[in-house]
Amino acid sequence: MSGFTDEERAAEMKRRDDAIRNSIAAAGRAREAARIADMQTMDTRCLHCNNPMHSWQATDPENPLCDFCL
């Protein structure tokens, strides 16, 4: 026998589950923060859909279109 009660096993499983859930949530928040930081540096918008993009992503400097609208 392992020497642990069912309550102790359940508490340990819940602790591990919460740790995994918190880790996934933290990674998601970090991705969102990186996306927002990248959007802050975007300097132009698509003329068709108005999505923000970097000037080097535009197909034409006079009429900037994103890859989706091209």
PDB file of N, CA and C in Angstrom:
ATOM      1  N   MET A   1       0.834  -1.184   0.000  1.00  0.00           N
ATOM      2  CA  MET A   1       0.000   0.000   0.000  1.00  0.00           C
ATOM      3  C   MET A   1       0.878   1.246   0.000  1.00  0.00           C
ATOM      4  N   SER A   2       0.357   2.311  -0.532  1.00  0.00           N
ATOM      5  CA  SER A   2       1.143   3.523  -0.676  1.00  0.00           C
ATOM      6  C   SER A   2       1.186   4.349   0.599  1.00  0.00           C
ATOM      7  N   GLY A   3       0.244   4.172   1.495  1.00  0.00           N
ATOM      8  CA  GLY A   3       0.242   4.924   2.738  1.00  0.00           C
ATOM      9  C   GLY A   3      -0.492   6.254   2.655  1.00  0.00           C
ATOM     10  N   PHE A   4      -1.095   6.548   1.517  1.00  0.00           N
ATOM     11  CA  PHE A   4      -1.853   7.789   1.373  1.00  0.00           C
ATOM     12  C   PHE A   4      -3.339   7.483   1.359  1.00  0.00           C
ATOM     13  N   THR A   5      -4.095   8.367   1.936  1.00  0.00           N
ATOM     14  CA  THR A   5      -5.546   8.188   1.938  1.00  0.00           C
ATOM     15  C   THR A   5      -6.118   8.703   0.619  1.00  0.00           C
ATOM     16  N   ASP A   6      -7.361   8.345   0.377  1.00  0.00           N
ATOM     17  CA  ASP A   6      -8.017   8.811  -0.845  1.00  0.00           C
ATOM     18  C   ASP A   6      -8.109  10.334  -0.877  1.00  0.00           C
ATOM     19  N   GLU A   7      -8.313  10.939   0.269  1.00  0.00           N
ATOM     20  CA  GLU A   7      -8.399  12.406   0.323  1.00  0.00           C
ATOM     21  C   GLU A   7      -7.056  13.040  -0.019  1.00  0.00           C
ATOM     22  N   GLU A   8      -5.960  12.445   0.462  1.00  0.00           N
ATOM     23  CA  GLU A   8      -4.631  12.973   0.150  1.00  0.00           C
ATOM     24  C   GLU A   8      -4.318  12.831  -1.340  1.00  0.00           C
ATOM     25  N   ARG A   9      -4.677  11.697  -1.925  1.00  0.00           N
ATOM     26  CA  ARG A   9      -4.478  11.498  -3.372  1.00  0.00           C
ATOM     27  C   ARG A   9      -5.307  12.507  -4.163  1.00  0.00           C
ATOM     28  N   ALA A  10      -6.557  12.707  -3.755  1.00  0.00           N
ATOM     29  CA  ALA A  10      -7.429  13.660  -4.455  1.00  0.00           C
ATOM     30  C   ALA A  10      -6.886  15.085  -4.331  1.00  0.00           C
ATOM     31  N   ALA A  11      -6.390  15.434  -3.148  1.00  0.00           N
ATOM     32  CA  ALA A  11      -5.837  16.776  -2.959  1.00  0.00           C
ATOM     33  C   ALA A  11      -4.589  16.981  -3.813  1.00  0.00           C
ATOM     34  N   GLU A  12      -3.738  15.965  -3.908  1.00  0.00           N
ATOM     35  CA  GLU A  12      -2.532  16.063  -4.735  1.00  0.00           C
ATOM     36  C   GLU A  12      -2.894  16.152  -6.213  1.00  0.00           C
ATOM     37  N   MET A  13      -3.866  15.380  -6.661  1.00  0.00           N
ATOM     38  CA  MET A  13      -4.296  15.446  -8.062  1.00  0.00           C
ATOM     39  C   MET A  13      -4.894  16.817  -8.368  1.00  0.00           C
ATOM     40  N   LYS A  14      -5.653  17.373  -7.433  1.00  0.00           N
ATOM     41  CA  LYS A  14      -6.235  18.700  -7.637  1.00  0.00           C
ATOM     42  C   LYS A  14      -5.135  19.752  -7.682  1.00  0.00           C
ATOM     43  N   ARG A  15      -4.129  19.640  -6.830  1.00  0.00           N
ATOM     44  CA  ARG A  15      -3.025  20.589  -6.821  1.00  0.00           C
ATOM     45  C   ARG A  15      -2.282  20.551  -8.152  1.00  0.00           C
ATOM     46  N   ARG A  16      -2.013  19.359  -8.662  1.00  0.00           N
ATOM     47  CA  ARG A  16      -1.321  19.229  -9.951  1.00  0.00           C
ATOM     48  C   ARG A  16      -2.177  19.765 -11.095  1.00  0.00           C
ATOM     49  N   ASP A  17      -3.464  19.473 -11.068  1.00  0.00           N
ATOM     50  CA  ASP A  17      -4.375  19.962 -12.099  1.00  0.00           C
ATOM     51  C   ASP A  17      -4.428  21.485 -12.092  1.00  0.00           C
ATOM     52  N   ASP A  18      -4.492  22.073 -10.892  1.00  0.00           N
ATOM     53  CA  ASP A  18      -4.514  23.529 -10.788  1.00  0.00           C
ATOM     54  C   ASP A  18      -3.201  24.134 -11.289  1.00  0.00           C
ATOM     55  N   ALA A  19      -2.083  23.478 -11.000  1.00  0.00           N
ATOM     56  CA  ALA A  19      -0.784  23.977 -11.461  1.00  0.00           C
ATOM     57  C   ALA A  19      -0.712  23.950 -12.990  1.00  0.00           C
ATOM     58  N   ILE A  20      -1.198  22.885 -13.597  1.00  0.00           N
ATOM     59  CA  ILE A  20      -1.207  22.796 -15.058  1.00  0.00           C
ATOM     60  C   ILE A  20      -2.127  23.857 -15.646  1.00  0.00           C
ATOM     61  N   ARG A  21      -3.309  24.015 -15.086  1.00  0.00           N
ATOM     62  CA  ARG A  21      -4.262  25.015 -15.564  1.00  0.00           C
ATOM     63  C   ARG A  21      -3.676  26.424 -15.444  1.00  0.00           C
ATOM     64  N   ASN A  22      -3.010  26.728 -14.337  1.00  0.00           N
ATOM     65  CA  ASN A  22      -2.391  28.039 -14.155  1.00  0.00           C
ATOM     66  C   ASN A  22      -1.252  28.260 -15.139  1.00  0.00           C
ATOM     67  N   SER A  23      -0.491  27.217 -15.429  1.00  0.00           N
ATOM     68  CA  SER A  23       0.605  27.312 -16.388  1.00  0.00           C
ATOM     69  C   SER A  23       0.078  27.609 -17.789  1.00  0.00           C
ATOM     70  N   ILE A  24      -0.995  26.937 -18.179  1.00  0.00           N
ATOM     71  CA  ILE A  24      -1.589  27.169 -19.491  1.00  0.00           C
ATOM     72  C   ILE A  24      -2.151  28.583 -19.573  1.00  0.00           C
ATOM     73  N   ALA A  25      -2.790  29.047 -18.520  1.00  0.00           N
ATOM     74  CA  ALA A  25      -3.343  30.399 -18.493  1.00  0.00           C
ATOM     75  C   ALA A  25      -2.234  31.449 -18.563  1.00  0.00           C
ATOM     76  N   ALA A  26      -1.134  31.218 -17.874  1.00  0.00           N
ATOM     77  CA  ALA A  26      -0.014  32.163 -17.905  1.00  0.00           C
ATOM     78  C   ALA A  26       0.599  32.224 -19.294  1.00  0.00           C
ATOM     79  N   ALA A  27       0.716  31.088 -19.957  1.00  0.00           N
ATOM     80  CA  ALA A  27       1.250  31.071 -21.319  1.00  0.00           C
ATOM     81  C   ALA A  27       0.326  31.827 -22.268  1.00  0.00           C
ATOM     82  N   GLY A  28      -0.967  31.680 -22.094  1.00  0.00           N
ATOM     83  CA  GLY A  28      -1.924  32.406 -22.916  1.00  0.00           C
ATOM     84  C   GLY A  28      -1.836  33.909 -22.694  1.00  0.00           C
ATOM     85  N   ARG A  29      -1.687  34.312 -21.441  1.00  0.00           N
ATOM     86  CA  ARG A  29      -1.544  35.746 -21.146  1.00  0.00           C
ATOM     87  C   ARG A  29      -0.253  36.296 -21.747  1.00  0.00           C
ATOM     88  N   ALA A  30       0.816  35.512 -21.710  1.00  0.00           N
ATOM     89  CA  ALA A  30       2.089  35.956 -22.291  1.00  0.00           C
ATOM     90  C   ALA A  30       1.969  36.099 -23.806  1.00  0.00           C
ATOM     91  N   ARG A  31       1.281  35.151 -24.475  1.00  0.00           N
ATOM     92  CA  ARG A  31       1.067  35.254 -25.926  1.00  0.00           C
ATOM     93  C   ARG A  31       0.251  36.491 -26.267  1.00  0.00           C
ATOM     94  N   GLU A  32      -0.789  36.754 -25.486  1.00  0.00           N
ATOM     95  CA  GLU A  32      -1.641  37.923 -25.735  1.00  0.00           C
ATOM     96  C   GLU A  32      -0.860  39.215 -25.521  1.00  0.00           C
ATOM     97  N   ALA A  33      -0.023  39.270 -24.509  1.00  0.00           N
ATOM     98  CA  ALA A  33       0.794  40.457 -24.259  1.00  0.00           C
ATOM     99  C   ALA A  33       1.779  40.682 -25.407  1.00  0.00           C
ATOM    100  N   ALA A  34       2.360  39.601 -25.922  1.00  0.00           N
ATOM    101  CA  ALA A  34       3.277  39.725 -27.060  1.00  0.00           C
ATOM    102  C   ALA A  34       2.538  40.192 -28.307  1.00  0.00           C
ATOM    103  N   ARG A  35       1.326  39.704 -28.511  1.00  0.00           N
ATOM    104  CA  ARG A  35       0.537  40.117 -29.671  1.00  0.00           C
ATOM    105  C   ARG A  35       0.182  41.603 -29.580  1.00  0.00           C
ATOM    106  N   ILE A  36      -0.200  42.048 -28.389  1.00  0.00           N
ATOM    107  CA  ILE A  36      -0.538  43.457 -28.196  1.00  0.00           C
ATOM    108  C   ILE A  36       0.692  44.335 -28.396  1.00  0.00           C
ATOM    109  N   ALA A  37       1.834  43.899 -27.889  1.00  0.00           N
ATOM    110  CA  ALA A  37       3.068  44.663 -28.073  1.00  0.00           C
ATOM    111  C   ALA A  37       3.428  44.756 -29.547  1.00  0.00           C
ATOM    112  N   ASP A  38       3.228  43.680 -30.300  1.00  0.00           N
ATOM    113  CA  ASP A  38       3.519  43.701 -31.732  1.00  0.00           C
ATOM    114  C   ASP A  38       2.552  44.629 -32.461  1.00  0.00           C
ATOM    115  N   MET A  39       1.292  44.637 -32.052  1.00  0.00           N
ATOM    116  CA  MET A  39       0.318  45.510 -32.699  1.00  0.00           C
ATOM    117  C   MET A  39       0.620  46.983 -32.434  1.00  0.00           C
ATOM    118  N   GLN A  40       1.277  47.296 -31.318  1.00  0.00           N
ATOM    119  CA  GLN A  40       1.638  48.676 -31.018  1.00  0.00           C
ATOM    120  C   GLN A  40       2.667  49.213 -32.007  1.00  0.00           C
ATOM    121  N   THR A  41       3.464  48.331 -32.602  1.00  0.00           N
ATOM    122  CA  THR A  41       4.513  48.758 -33.527  1.00  0.00           C
ATOM    123  C   THR A  41       4.031  48.803 -34.975  1.00  0.00           C
ATOM    124  N   MET A  42       2.813  48.365 -35.241  1.00  0.00           N
ATOM    125  CA  MET A  42       2.308  48.374 -36.609  1.00  0.00           C
ATOM    126  C   MET A  42       2.001  49.808 -37.024  1.00  0.00           C
ATOM    127  N   ASP A  43       2.439  50.161 -38.225  1.00  0.00           N
ATOM    128  CA  ASP A  43       2.398  51.560 -38.623  1.00  0.00           C
ATOM    129  C   ASP A  43       1.463  51.865 -39.790  1.00  0.00           C
ATOM    130  N   THR A  44       0.755  50.900 -40.306  1.00  0.00           N
ATOM    131  CA  THR A  44      -0.190  51.152 -41.394  1.00  0.00           C
ATOM    132  C   THR A  44      -1.374  50.210 -41.282  1.00  0.00           C
ATOM    133  N   ARG A  45      -2.403  50.466 -42.063  1.00  0.00           N
ATOM    134  CA  ARG A  45      -3.610  49.642 -42.050  1.00  0.00           C
ATOM    135  C   ARG A  45      -3.990  49.273 -43.467  1.00  0.00           C
ATOM    136  N   CYS A  46      -4.623  48.122 -43.599  1.00  0.00           N
ATOM    137  CA  CYS A  46      -5.123  47.670 -44.892  1.00  0.00           C
ATOM    138  C   CYS A  46      -6.271  48.593 -45.322  1.00  0.00           C
ATOM    139  N   LEU A  47      -6.261  48.985 -46.586  1.00  0.00           N
ATOM    140  CA  LEU A  47      -7.316  49.876 -47.073  1.00  0.00           C
ATOM    141  C   LEU A  47      -8.662  49.172 -47.186  1.00  0.00           C
ATOM    142  N   HIS A  48      -8.654  47.861 -47.336  1.00  0.00           N
ATOM    143  CA  HIS A  48      -9.910  47.132 -47.527  1.00  0.00           C
ATOM    144  C   HIS A  48     -10.547  46.727 -46.193  1.00  0.00           C
ATOM    145  N   CYS A  49      -9.811  46.018 -45.358  1.00  0.00           N
ATOM    146  CA  CYS A  49     -10.385  45.486 -44.111  1.00  0.00           C
ATOM    147  C   CYS A  49      -9.981  46.284 -42.870  1.00  0.00           C
ATOM    148  N   ASN A  50      -9.065  47.235 -43.030  1.00  0.00           N
ATOM    149  CA  ASN A  50      -8.626  48.108 -41.945  1.00  0.00           C
ATOM    150  C   ASN A  50      -7.866  47.381 -40.838  1.00  0.00           C
ATOM    151  N   ASN A  51      -7.320  46.218 -41.139  1.00  0.00           N
ATOM    152  CA  ASN A  51      -6.500  45.500 -40.161  1.00  0.00           C
ATOM    153  C   ASN A  51      -5.137  46.162 -40.041  1.00  0.00           C
ATOM    154  N   PRO A  52      -4.599  46.296 -38.835  1.00  0.00           N
ATOM    155  CA  PRO A  52      -3.268  46.881 -38.696  1.00  0.00           C
ATOM    156  C   PRO A  52      -2.205  45.931 -39.224  1.00  0.00           C
ATOM    157  N   MET A  53      -1.158  46.516 -39.806  1.00  0.00           N
ATOM    158  CA  MET A  53      -0.043  45.708 -40.307  1.00  0.00           C
ATOM    159  C   MET A  53       1.204  46.575 -40.375  1.00  0.00           C
ATOM    160  N   HIS A  54       2.345  45.919 -40.488  1.00  0.00           N
ATOM    161  CA  HIS A  54       3.609  46.628 -40.657  1.00  0.00           C
ATOM    162  C   HIS A  54       3.694  47.114 -42.099  1.00  0.00           C
ATOM    163  N   SER A  55       4.416  48.184 -42.313  1.00  0.00           N
ATOM    164  CA  SER A  55       4.526  48.734 -43.664  1.00  0.00           C
ATOM    165  C   SER A  55       5.217  47.752 -44.607  1.00  0.00           C
ATOM    166  N   TRP A  56       6.127  46.928 -44.096  1.00  0.00           N
ATOM    167  CA  TRP A  56       6.805  45.983 -44.974  1.00  0.00           C
ATOM    168  C   TRP A  56       5.901  44.820 -45.383  1.00  0.00           C
ATOM    169  N   GLN A  57       4.734  44.655 -44.718  1.00  0.00           N
ATOM    170  CA  GLN A  57       3.790  43.607 -45.091  1.00  0.00           C
ATOM    171  C   GLN A  57       2.839  44.074 -46.187  1.00  0.00           C
ATOM    172  N   ALA A  58       2.755  45.373 -46.411  1.00  0.00           N
ATOM    173  CA  ALA A  58       1.829  45.907 -47.400  1.00  0.00           C
ATOM    174  C   ALA A  58       2.295  45.534 -48.802  1.00  0.00           C
ATOM    175  N   THR A  59       1.339  45.271 -49.661  1.00  0.00           N
ATOM    176  CA  THR A  59       1.667  44.871 -51.026  1.00  0.00           C
ATOM    177  C   THR A  59       2.108  46.055 -51.872  1.00  0.00           C
ATOM    178  N   ASP A  60       1.591  47.240 -51.564  1.00  0.00           N
ATOM    179  CA  ASP A  60       1.903  48.432 -52.334  1.00  0.00           C
ATOM    180  C   ASP A  60       1.885  49.618 -51.375  1.00  0.00           C
ATOM    181  N   PRO A  61       2.906  50.465 -51.401  1.00  0.00           N
ATOM    182  CA  PRO A  61       2.914  51.594 -50.470  1.00  0.00           C
ATOM    183  C   PRO A  61       1.774  52.581 -50.714  1.00  0.00           C
ATOM    184  N   GLU A  62       1.346  52.727 -51.945  1.00  0.00           N
ATOM    185  CA  GLU A  62       0.268  53.661 -52.264  1.00  0.00           C
ATOM    186  C   GLU A  62      -1.099  53.115 -51.854  1.00  0.00           C
ATOM    187  N   ASN A  63      -1.323  51.833 -52.080  1.00  0.00           N
ATOM    188  CA  ASN A  63      -2.596  51.180 -51.761  1.00  0.00           C
ATOM    189  C   ASN A  63      -2.309  49.933 -50.934  1.00  0.00           C
ATOM    190  N   PRO A  64      -2.058  50.093 -49.639  1.00  0.00           N
ATOM    191  CA  PRO A  64      -1.669  48.924 -48.831  1.00  0.00           C
ATOM    192  C   PRO A  64      -2.840  47.962 -48.629  1.00  0.00           C
ATOM    193  N   LEU A  65      -2.600  46.713 -49.006  1.00  0.00           N
ATOM    194  CA  LEU A  65      -3.553  45.640 -48.782  1.00  0.00           C
ATOM    195  C   LEU A  65      -2.847  44.520 -48.046  1.00  0.00           C
ATOM    196  N   CYS A  66      -3.554  43.890 -47.132  1.00  0.00           N
ATOM    197  CA  CYS A  66      -2.962  42.754 -46.409  1.00  0.00           C
ATOM    198  C   CYS A  66      -3.018  41.510 -47.307  1.00  0.00           C
ATOM    199  N   ASP A  67      -2.412  40.440 -46.854  1.00  0.00           N
ATOM    200  CA  ASP A  67      -2.375  39.204 -47.656  1.00  0.00           C
ATOM    201  C   ASP A  67      -3.752  38.608 -47.862  1.00  0.00           C
ATOM    202  N   PHE A  68      -4.653  38.810 -46.913  1.00  0.00           N
ATOM    203  CA  PHE A  68      -5.986  38.241 -47.030  1.00  0.00           C
ATOM    204  C   PHE A  68      -6.819  38.965 -48.087  1.00  0.00           C
ATOM    205  N   CYS A  69      -6.658  40.278 -48.162  1.00  0.00           N
ATOM    206  CA  CYS A  69      -7.460  41.081 -49.092  1.00  0.00           C
ATOM    207  C   CYS A  69      -6.845  41.144 -50.480  1.00  0.00           C
ATOM    208  N   LEU A  70      -5.617  40.740 -50.617  1.00  0.00           N
ATOM    209  CA  LEU A  70      -4.964  40.805 -51.910  1.00  0.00           C
ATOM    210  C   LEU A  70      -5.610  39.853 -52.833  1.00  0.00           C
TER     211      LEU A  70
END
